[in-house]
Amino acid sequence: MLTAWLCFDKPGSLELRMKTRDEHLAWLEKNVTTFKFAGPILGDDGTTPQGSMIIADFESLAHSREMQKQDPYHKAGLFERVLVQPTKQVFPKI
């Protein structure tokens, strides 16, 4: 099942994000092998991270939600709000 993770950082948490970044990236590389897209949600300045967005295939929505809870960013308390929902690719057509 294709799912999207939209994770919004707590205000003033850039230091925590940067401190946890290497662990987060290593965890993603090891544990999420079905990526379609992964990257930060940026502020209006186009450079300051304010969250994370991941789109990946999982065996179920429950599995996707459980995996998101294992993300080192989540475990570190970085996020103010997290949304994990099914999605589908409409464009470009596949």
PDB file of N, CA and C in Angstrom:
ATOM      1  N   MET A   1       0.841  -1.178   0.000  1.00  0.00           N
ATOM      2  CA  MET A   1       0.000   0.000   0.000  1.00  0.00           C
ATOM      3  C   MET A   1       0.886   1.241   0.000  1.00  0.00           C
ATOM      4  N   LEU A   2       0.613   2.125  -0.930  1.00  0.00           N
ATOM      5  CA  LEU A   2       1.355   3.374  -1.006  1.00  0.00           C
ATOM      6  C   LEU A   2       0.839   4.315   0.081  1.00  0.00           C
ATOM      7  N   THR A   3       1.753   4.798   0.920  1.00  0.00           N
ATOM      8  CA  THR A   3       1.372   5.692   2.013  1.00  0.00           C
ATOM      9  C   THR A   3       2.252   6.936   2.027  1.00  0.00           C
ATOM     10  N   ALA A   4       1.697   7.986   2.585  1.00  0.00           N
ATOM     11  CA  ALA A   4       2.420   9.252   2.737  1.00  0.00           C
ATOM     12  C   ALA A   4       2.560   9.560   4.218  1.00  0.00           C
ATOM     13  N   TRP A   5       3.765   9.946   4.603  1.00  0.00           N
ATOM     14  CA  TRP A   5       4.027  10.448   5.954  1.00  0.00           C
ATOM     15  C   TRP A   5       4.233  11.951   5.839  1.00  0.00           C
ATOM     16  N   LEU A   6       3.419  12.721   6.504  1.00  0.00           N
ATOM     17  CA  LEU A   6       3.602  14.161   6.610  1.00  0.00           C
ATOM     18  C   LEU A   6       3.852  14.453   8.078  1.00  0.00           C
ATOM     19  N   CYS A   7       5.070  14.880   8.375  1.00  0.00           N
ATOM     20  CA  CYS A   7       5.516  15.056   9.756  1.00  0.00           C
ATOM     21  C   CYS A   7       5.974  16.502   9.940  1.00  0.00           C
ATOM     22  N   PHE A   8       5.347  17.201  10.862  1.00  0.00           N
ATOM     23  CA  PHE A   8       5.617  18.623  11.064  1.00  0.00           C
ATOM     24  C   PHE A   8       6.386  18.827  12.361  1.00  0.00           C
ATOM     25  N   ASP A   9       7.546  19.498  12.257  1.00  0.00           N
ATOM     26  CA  ASP A   9       8.412  19.714  13.417  1.00  0.00           C
ATOM     27  C   ASP A   9       7.763  20.637  14.443  1.00  0.00           C
ATOM     28  N   LYS A  10       8.131  20.422  15.696  1.00  0.00           N
ATOM     29  CA  LYS A  10       7.753  21.360  16.749  1.00  0.00           C
ATOM     30  C   LYS A  10       8.491  22.678  16.506  1.00  0.00           C
ATOM     31  N   PRO A  11       7.884  23.800  16.828  1.00  0.00           N
ATOM     32  CA  PRO A  11       8.581  25.086  16.675  1.00  0.00           C
ATOM     33  C   PRO A  11       9.894  25.096  17.464  1.00  0.00           C
ATOM     34  N   GLY A  12      10.908  25.699  16.876  1.00  0.00           N
ATOM     35  CA  GLY A  12      12.199  25.845  17.554  1.00  0.00           C
ATOM     36  C   GLY A  12      12.976  24.559  17.717  1.00  0.00           C
ATOM     37  N   SER A  13      12.731  23.562  16.854  1.00  0.00           N
ATOM     38  CA  SER A  13      13.361  22.255  17.038  1.00  0.00           C
ATOM     39  C   SER A  13      14.455  21.946  16.013  1.00  0.00           C
ATOM     40  N   LEU A  14      14.953  22.974  15.326  1.00  0.00           N
ATOM     41  CA  LEU A  14      15.968  22.733  14.297  1.00  0.00           C
ATOM     42  C   LEU A  14      17.208  22.052  14.878  1.00  0.00           C
ATOM     43  N   GLU A  15      17.635  22.449  16.052  1.00  0.00           N
ATOM     44  CA  GLU A  15      18.822  21.839  16.668  1.00  0.00           C
ATOM     45  C   GLU A  15      18.603  20.341  16.904  1.00  0.00           C
ATOM     46  N   LEU A  16      17.414  19.967  17.399  1.00  0.00           N
ATOM     47  CA  LEU A  16      17.098  18.556  17.619  1.00  0.00           C
ATOM     48  C   LEU A  16      17.091  17.805  16.289  1.00  0.00           C
ATOM     49  N   ARG A  17      16.522  18.397  15.247  1.00  0.00           N
ATOM     50  CA  ARG A  17      16.500  17.776  13.917  1.00  0.00           C
ATOM     51  C   ARG A  17      17.926  17.500  13.444  1.00  0.00           C
ATOM     52  N   MET A  18      18.792  18.490  13.536  1.00  0.00           N
ATOM     53  CA  MET A  18      20.157  18.328  13.038  1.00  0.00           C
ATOM     54  C   MET A  18      20.935  17.317  13.885  1.00  0.00           C
ATOM     55  N   LYS A  19      20.691  17.300  15.181  1.00  0.00           N
ATOM     56  CA  LYS A  19      21.366  16.356  16.082  1.00  0.00           C
ATOM     57  C   LYS A  19      20.961  14.907  15.773  1.00  0.00           C
ATOM     58  N   THR A  20      19.736  14.705  15.314  1.00  0.00           N
ATOM     59  CA  THR A  20      19.187  13.374  15.079  1.00  0.00           C
ATOM     60  C   THR A  20      19.269  12.957  13.611  1.00  0.00           C
ATOM     61  N   ARG A  21      19.668  13.850  12.727  1.00  0.00           N
ATOM     62  CA  ARG A  21      19.598  13.639  11.281  1.00  0.00           C
ATOM     63  C   ARG A  21      20.359  12.398  10.807  1.00  0.00           C
ATOM     64  N   ASP A  22      21.600  12.224  11.227  1.00  0.00           N
ATOM     65  CA  ASP A  22      22.389  11.080  10.753  1.00  0.00           C
ATOM     66  C   ASP A  22      21.741   9.755  11.149  1.00  0.00           C
ATOM     67  N   GLU A  23      21.243   9.675  12.375  1.00  0.00           N
ATOM     68  CA  GLU A  23      20.568   8.457  12.839  1.00  0.00           C
ATOM     69  C   GLU A  23      19.289   8.215  12.026  1.00  0.00           C
ATOM     70  N   HIS A  24      18.532   9.281  11.771  1.00  0.00           N
ATOM     71  CA  HIS A  24      17.307   9.198  10.970  1.00  0.00           C
ATOM     72  C   HIS A  24      17.607   8.674   9.562  1.00  0.00           C
ATOM     73  N   LEU A  25      18.606   9.244   8.899  1.00  0.00           N
ATOM     74  CA  LEU A  25      18.941   8.827   7.536  1.00  0.00           C
ATOM     75  C   LEU A  25      19.428   7.382   7.500  1.00  0.00           C
ATOM     76  N   ALA A  26      20.241   6.989   8.461  1.00  0.00           N
ATOM     77  CA  ALA A  26      20.728   5.604   8.517  1.00  0.00           C
ATOM     78  C   ALA A  26      19.566   4.634   8.743  1.00  0.00           C
ATOM     79  N   TRP A  27      18.640   5.012   9.608  1.00  0.00           N
ATOM     80  CA  TRP A  27      17.470   4.177   9.875  1.00  0.00           C
ATOM     81  C   TRP A  27      16.620   4.023   8.614  1.00  0.00           C
ATOM     82  N   LEU A  28      16.372   5.123   7.912  1.00  0.00           N
ATOM     83  CA  LEU A  28      15.577   5.058   6.683  1.00  0.00           C
ATOM     84  C   LEU A  28      16.230   4.137   5.663  1.00  0.00           C
ATOM     85  N   GLU A  29      17.524   4.308   5.464  1.00  0.00           N
ATOM     86  CA  GLU A  29      18.234   3.502   4.471  1.00  0.00           C
ATOM     87  C   GLU A  29      18.151   2.016   4.793  1.00  0.00           C
ATOM     88  N   LYS A  30      18.194   1.688   6.062  1.00  0.00           N
ATOM     89  CA  LYS A  30      18.174   0.285   6.483  1.00  0.00           C
ATOM     90  C   LYS A  30      16.764  -0.296   6.491  1.00  0.00           C
ATOM     91  N   ASN A  31      15.761   0.493   6.845  1.00  0.00           N
ATOM     92  CA  ASN A  31      14.443  -0.053   7.140  1.00  0.00           C
ATOM     93  C   ASN A  31      13.340   0.234   6.123  1.00  0.00           C
ATOM     94  N   VAL A  32      13.475   1.261   5.335  1.00  0.00           N
ATOM     95  CA  VAL A  32      12.423   1.600   4.378  1.00  0.00           C
ATOM     96  C   VAL A  32      13.004   1.474   2.976  1.00  0.00           C
ATOM     97  N   THR A  33      12.746   0.335   2.348  1.00  0.00           N
ATOM     98  CA  THR A  33      13.374   0.027   1.056  1.00  0.00           C
ATOM     99  C   THR A  33      12.447   0.275  -0.129  1.00  0.00           C
ATOM    100  N   THR A  34      11.242   0.746   0.124  1.00  0.00           N
ATOM    101  CA  THR A  34      10.253   0.903  -0.945  1.00  0.00           C
ATOM    102  C   THR A  34       9.888   2.371  -1.156  1.00  0.00           C
ATOM    103  N   PHE A  35      10.882   3.250  -1.047  1.00  0.00           N
ATOM    104  CA  PHE A  35      10.661   4.683  -1.215  1.00  0.00           C
ATOM    105  C   PHE A  35      10.218   5.051  -2.612  1.00  0.00           C
ATOM    106  N   LYS A  36       9.324   5.985  -2.676  1.00  0.00           N
ATOM    107  CA  LYS A  36       9.010   6.690  -3.909  1.00  0.00           C
ATOM    108  C   LYS A  36       9.563   8.112  -3.806  1.00  0.00           C
ATOM    109  N   PHE A  37       9.549   8.659  -2.580  1.00  0.00           N
ATOM    110  CA  PHE A  37      10.058  10.015  -2.323  1.00  0.00           C
ATOM    111  C   PHE A  37      10.321  10.149  -0.832  1.00  0.00           C
ATOM    112  N   ALA A  38      11.392  10.849  -0.494  1.00  0.00           N
ATOM    113  CA  ALA A  38      11.660  11.207   0.896  1.00  0.00           C
ATOM    114  C   ALA A  38      12.432  12.515   0.913  1.00  0.00           C
ATOM    115  N   GLY A  39      12.052  13.419   1.794  1.00  0.00           N
ATOM    116  CA  GLY A  39      12.769  14.678   1.899  1.00  0.00           C
ATOM    117  C   GLY A  39      12.120  15.594   2.918  1.00  0.00           C
ATOM    118  N   PRO A  40      12.780  16.713   3.198  1.00  0.00           N
ATOM    119  CA  PRO A  40      12.251  17.650   4.181  1.00  0.00           C
ATOM    120  C   PRO A  40      11.129  18.514   3.601  1.00  0.00           C
ATOM    121  N   ILE A  41      10.257  18.959   4.478  1.00  0.00           N
ATOM    122  CA  ILE A  41       9.327  20.032   4.161  1.00  0.00           C
ATOM    123  C   ILE A  41      10.054  21.304   4.568  1.00  0.00           C
ATOM    124  N   LEU A  42      10.208  22.235   3.633  1.00  0.00           N
ATOM    125  CA  LEU A  42      10.998  23.441   3.883  1.00  0.00           C
ATOM    126  C   LEU A  42      10.109  24.645   4.174  1.00  0.00           C
ATOM    127  N   GLY A  43      10.674  25.590   4.906  1.00  0.00           N
ATOM    128  CA  GLY A  43       9.998  26.849   5.178  1.00  0.00           C
ATOM    129  C   GLY A  43       9.957  27.714   3.926  1.00  0.00           C
ATOM    130  N   ASP A  44       9.315  28.857   4.041  1.00  0.00           N
ATOM    131  CA  ASP A  44       9.165  29.770   2.907  1.00  0.00           C
ATOM    132  C   ASP A  44      10.499  30.239   2.341  1.00  0.00           C
ATOM    133  N   ASP A  45      11.567  30.167   3.151  1.00  0.00           N
ATOM    134  CA  ASP A  45      12.885  30.584   2.660  1.00  0.00           C
ATOM    135  C   ASP A  45      13.512  29.548   1.726  1.00  0.00           C
ATOM    136  N   GLY A  46      12.887  28.365   1.627  1.00  0.00           N
ATOM    137  CA  GLY A  46      13.382  27.322   0.736  1.00  0.00           C
ATOM    138  C   GLY A  46      14.578  26.560   1.251  1.00  0.00           C
ATOM    139  N   THR A  47      14.995  26.813   2.492  1.00  0.00           N
ATOM    140  CA  THR A  47      16.164  26.124   3.028  1.00  0.00           C
ATOM    141  C   THR A  47      15.957  25.552   4.433  1.00  0.00           C
ATOM    142  N   THR A  48      15.136  26.160   5.244  1.00  0.00           N
ATOM    143  CA  THR A  48      14.990  25.742   6.640  1.00  0.00           C
ATOM    144  C   THR A  48      14.002  24.584   6.766  1.00  0.00           C
ATOM    145  N   PRO A  49      14.461  23.402   7.233  1.00  0.00           N
ATOM    146  CA  PRO A  49      13.558  22.273   7.405  1.00  0.00           C
ATOM    147  C   PRO A  49      12.495  22.577   8.463  1.00  0.00           C
ATOM    148  N   GLN A  50      11.256  22.198   8.145  1.00  0.00           N
ATOM    149  CA  GLN A  50      10.155  22.362   9.091  1.00  0.00           C
ATOM    150  C   GLN A  50       9.370  21.073   9.271  1.00  0.00           C
ATOM    151  N   GLY A  51       9.820  20.020   8.625  1.00  0.00           N
ATOM    152  CA  GLY A  51       9.132  18.743   8.720  1.00  0.00           C
ATOM    153  C   GLY A  51       9.734  17.755   7.740  1.00  0.00           C
ATOM    154  N   SER A  52       9.054  16.625   7.623  1.00  0.00           N
ATOM    155  CA  SER A  52       9.508  15.560   6.729  1.00  0.00           C
ATOM    156  C   SER A  52       8.328  15.027   5.933  1.00  0.00           C
ATOM    157  N   MET A  53       8.620  14.602   4.692  1.00  0.00           N
ATOM    158  CA  MET A  53       7.607  13.964   3.868  1.00  0.00           C
ATOM    159  C   MET A  53       8.215  12.711   3.255  1.00  0.00           C
ATOM    160  N   ILE A  54       7.508  11.606   3.423  1.00  0.00           N
ATOM    161  CA  ILE A  54       7.957  10.332   2.867  1.00  0.00           C
ATOM    162  C   ILE A  54       6.768   9.682   2.180  1.00  0.00           C
ATOM    163  N   ILE A  55       7.004   9.158   0.998  1.00  0.00           N
ATOM    164  CA  ILE A  55       6.018   8.353   0.295  1.00  0.00           C
ATOM    165  C   ILE A  55       6.702   7.033  -0.011  1.00  0.00           C
ATOM    166  N   ALA A  56       6.077   5.941   0.455  1.00  0.00           N
ATOM    167  CA  ALA A  56       6.678   4.618   0.295  1.00  0.00           C
ATOM    168  C   ALA A  56       5.591   3.551   0.321  1.00  0.00           C
ATOM    169  N   ASP A  57       5.911   2.391  -0.239  1.00  0.00           N
ATOM    170  CA  ASP A  57       5.011   1.239  -0.202  1.00  0.00           C
ATOM    171  C   ASP A  57       5.244   0.441   1.070  1.00  0.00           C
ATOM    172  N   PHE A  58       4.161   0.034   1.695  1.00  0.00           N
ATOM    173  CA  PHE A  58       4.198  -0.842   2.865  1.00  0.00           C
ATOM    174  C   PHE A  58       3.153  -1.926   2.685  1.00  0.00           C
ATOM    175  N   GLU A  59       3.270  -2.997   3.452  1.00  0.00           N
ATOM    176  CA  GLU A  59       2.327  -4.108   3.312  1.00  0.00           C
ATOM    177  C   GLU A  59       0.918  -3.714   3.738  1.00  0.00           C
ATOM    178  N   SER A  60       0.804  -2.701   4.615  1.00  0.00           N
ATOM    179  CA  SER A  60      -0.505  -2.244   5.082  1.00  0.00           C
ATOM    180  C   SER A  60      -0.352  -0.855   5.688  1.00  0.00           C
ATOM    181  N   LEU A  61      -1.475  -0.200   5.903  1.00  0.00           N
ATOM    182  CA  LEU A  61      -1.466   1.098   6.572  1.00  0.00           C
ATOM    183  C   LEU A  61      -0.968   0.950   8.007  1.00  0.00           C
ATOM    184  N   ALA A  62      -1.374  -0.093   8.672  1.00  0.00           N
ATOM    185  CA  ALA A  62      -0.915  -0.331  10.048  1.00  0.00           C
ATOM    186  C   ALA A  62       0.606  -0.488  10.098  1.00  0.00           C
ATOM    187  N   HIS A  63       1.178  -1.208   9.132  1.00  0.00           N
ATOM    188  CA  HIS A  63       2.631  -1.380   9.089  1.00  0.00           C
ATOM    189  C   HIS A  63       3.327  -0.043   8.845  1.00  0.00           C
ATOM    190  N   SER A  64       2.792   0.765   7.940  1.00  0.00           N
ATOM    191  CA  SER A  64       3.369   2.083   7.673  1.00  0.00           C
ATOM    192  C   SER A  64       3.359   2.939   8.939  1.00  0.00           C
ATOM    193  N   ARG A  65       2.244   2.938   9.650  1.00  0.00           N
ATOM    194  CA  ARG A  65       2.139   3.740  10.878  1.00  0.00           C
ATOM    195  C   ARG A  65       3.099   3.241  11.951  1.00  0.00           C
ATOM    196  N   GLU A  66       3.245   1.934  12.058  1.00  0.00           N
ATOM    197  CA  GLU A  66       4.186   1.382  13.035  1.00  0.00           C
ATOM    198  C   GLU A  66       5.627   1.748  12.665  1.00  0.00           C
ATOM    199  N   MET A  67       5.961   1.680  11.388  1.00  0.00           N
ATOM    200  CA  MET A  67       7.306   2.045  10.951  1.00  0.00           C
ATOM    201  C   MET A  67       7.583   3.516  11.234  1.00  0.00           C
ATOM    202  N   GLN A  68       6.617   4.385  11.006  1.00  0.00           N
ATOM    203  CA  GLN A  68       6.831   5.805  11.257  1.00  0.00           C
ATOM    204  C   GLN A  68       7.156   6.046  12.727  1.00  0.00           C
ATOM    205  N   LYS A  69       6.526   5.300  13.605  1.00  0.00           N
ATOM    206  CA  LYS A  69       6.785   5.453  15.046  1.00  0.00           C
ATOM    207  C   LYS A  69       8.194   5.009  15.426  1.00  0.00           C
ATOM    208  N   GLN A  70       8.843   4.207  14.574  1.00  0.00           N
ATOM    209  CA  GLN A  70      10.209   3.752  14.836  1.00  0.00           C
ATOM    210  C   GLN A  70      11.266   4.735  14.332  1.00  0.00           C
ATOM    211  N   ASP A  71      10.861   5.723  13.557  1.00  0.00           N
ATOM    212  CA  ASP A  71      11.779   6.732  13.019  1.00  0.00           C
ATOM    213  C   ASP A  71      12.481   7.451  14.179  1.00  0.00           C
ATOM    214  N   PRO A  72      13.802   7.545  14.140  1.00  0.00           N
ATOM    215  CA  PRO A  72      14.521   8.252  15.198  1.00  0.00           C
ATOM    216  C   PRO A  72      14.032   9.684  15.426  1.00  0.00           C
ATOM    217  N   TYR A  73      13.594  10.372  14.377  1.00  0.00           N
ATOM    218  CA  TYR A  73      13.017  11.708  14.571  1.00  0.00           C
ATOM    219  C   TYR A  73      11.789  11.630  15.476  1.00  0.00           C
ATOM    220  N   HIS A  74      10.929  10.666  15.210  1.00  0.00           N
ATOM    221  CA  HIS A  74       9.720  10.495  16.026  1.00  0.00           C
ATOM    222  C   HIS A  74      10.093  10.162  17.471  1.00  0.00           C
ATOM    223  N   LYS A  75      11.014   9.214  17.620  1.00  0.00           N
ATOM    224  CA  LYS A  75      11.432   8.795  18.965  1.00  0.00           C
ATOM    225  C   LYS A  75      12.079   9.928  19.749  1.00  0.00           C
ATOM    226  N   ALA A  76      12.744  10.852  19.048  1.00  0.00           N
ATOM    227  CA  ALA A  76      13.403  11.983  19.709  1.00  0.00           C
ATOM    228  C   ALA A  76      12.409  13.079  20.101  1.00  0.00           C
ATOM    229  N   GLY A  77      11.153  12.957  19.658  1.00  0.00           N
ATOM    230  CA  GLY A  77      10.149  13.960  19.978  1.00  0.00           C
ATOM    231  C   GLY A  77      10.192  15.185  19.085  1.00  0.00           C
ATOM    232  N   LEU A  78      10.718  15.042  17.872  1.00  0.00           N
ATOM    233  CA  LEU A  78      10.866  16.174  16.957  1.00  0.00           C
ATOM    234  C   LEU A  78       9.528  16.708  16.450  1.00  0.00           C
ATOM    235  N   PHE A  79       8.567  15.819  16.263  1.00  0.00           N
ATOM    236  CA  PHE A  79       7.359  16.213  15.545  1.00  0.00           C
ATOM    237  C   PHE A  79       6.245  16.739  16.454  1.00  0.00           C
ATOM    238  N   GLU A  80       5.619  17.800  15.981  1.00  0.00           N
ATOM    239  CA  GLU A  80       4.435  18.357  16.632  1.00  0.00           C
ATOM    240  C   GLU A  80       3.179  17.629  16.162  1.00  0.00           C
ATOM    241  N   ARG A  81       3.194  17.257  14.887  1.00  0.00           N
ATOM    242  CA  ARG A  81       2.027  16.607  14.281  1.00  0.00           C
ATOM    243  C   ARG A  81       2.499  15.644  13.205  1.00  0.00           C
ATOM    244  N   VAL A  82       1.861  14.467  13.152  1.00  0.00           N
ATOM    245  CA  VAL A  82       2.198  13.448  12.153  1.00  0.00           C
ATOM    246  C   VAL A  82       0.906  12.938  11.523  1.00  0.00           C
ATOM    247  N   LEU A  83       0.925  12.844  10.209  1.00  0.00           N
ATOM    248  CA  LEU A  83      -0.186  12.269   9.464  1.00  0.00           C
ATOM    249  C   LEU A  83       0.375  11.157   8.594  1.00  0.00           C
ATOM    250  N   VAL A  84      -0.150   9.945   8.750  1.00  0.00           N
ATOM    251  CA  VAL A  84       0.236   8.806   7.923  1.00  0.00           C
ATOM    252  C   VAL A  84      -1.044   8.279   7.284  1.00  0.00           C
ATOM    253  N   GLN A  85      -1.132   8.416   5.958  1.00  0.00           N
ATOM    254  CA  GLN A  85      -2.364   8.065   5.256  1.00  0.00           C
ATOM    255  C   GLN A  85      -2.050   7.372   3.931  1.00  0.00           C
ATOM    256  N   PRO A  86      -2.995   6.563   3.446  1.00  0.00           N
ATOM    257  CA  PRO A  86      -2.826   5.983   2.115  1.00  0.00           C
ATOM    258  C   PRO A  86      -2.841   7.089   1.059  1.00  0.00           C
ATOM    259  N   THR A  87      -2.158   6.819  -0.034  1.00  0.00           N
ATOM    260  CA  THR A  87      -2.173   7.734  -1.169  1.00  0.00           C
ATOM    261  C   THR A  87      -2.123   6.911  -2.446  1.00  0.00           C
ATOM    262  N   LYS A  88      -2.210   7.563  -3.588  1.00  0.00           N
ATOM    263  CA  LYS A  88      -2.045   6.869  -4.860  1.00  0.00           C
ATOM    264  C   LYS A  88      -1.403   7.820  -5.847  1.00  0.00           C
ATOM    265  N   GLN A  89      -0.661   7.256  -6.750  1.00  0.00           N
ATOM    266  CA  GLN A  89      -0.009   8.063  -7.780  1.00  0.00           C
ATOM    267  C   GLN A  89      -0.979   8.277  -8.931  1.00  0.00           C
ATOM    268  N   VAL A  90      -1.245   9.533  -9.225  1.00  0.00           N
ATOM    269  CA  VAL A  90      -2.120   9.889 -10.341  1.00  0.00           C
ATOM    270  C   VAL A  90      -1.290  10.439 -11.495  1.00  0.00           C
ATOM    271  N   PHE A  91      -0.272  11.200 -11.160  1.00  0.00           N
ATOM    272  CA  PHE A  91       0.584  11.814 -12.177  1.00  0.00           C
ATOM    273  C   PHE A  91       2.014  11.789 -11.697  1.00  0.00           C
ATOM    274  N   PRO A  92       2.997  11.502 -12.500  1.00  0.00           N
ATOM    275  CA  PRO A  92       2.791  11.016 -13.863  1.00  0.00           C
ATOM    276  C   PRO A  92       2.191   9.613 -13.851  1.00  0.00           C
ATOM    277  N   LYS A  93       1.472   9.323 -14.911  1.00  0.00           N
ATOM    278  CA  LYS A  93       0.847   8.006 -15.019  1.00  0.00           C
ATOM    279  C   LYS A  93       1.922   6.935 -15.068  1.00  0.00           C
ATOM    280  N   ILE A  94       1.638   5.835 -14.394  1.00  0.00           N
ATOM    281  CA  ILE A  94       2.591   4.719 -14.415  1.00  0.00           C
ATOM    282  C   ILE A  94       1.969   3.498 -15.057  1.00  0.00           C
TER     283      ILE A  94
END
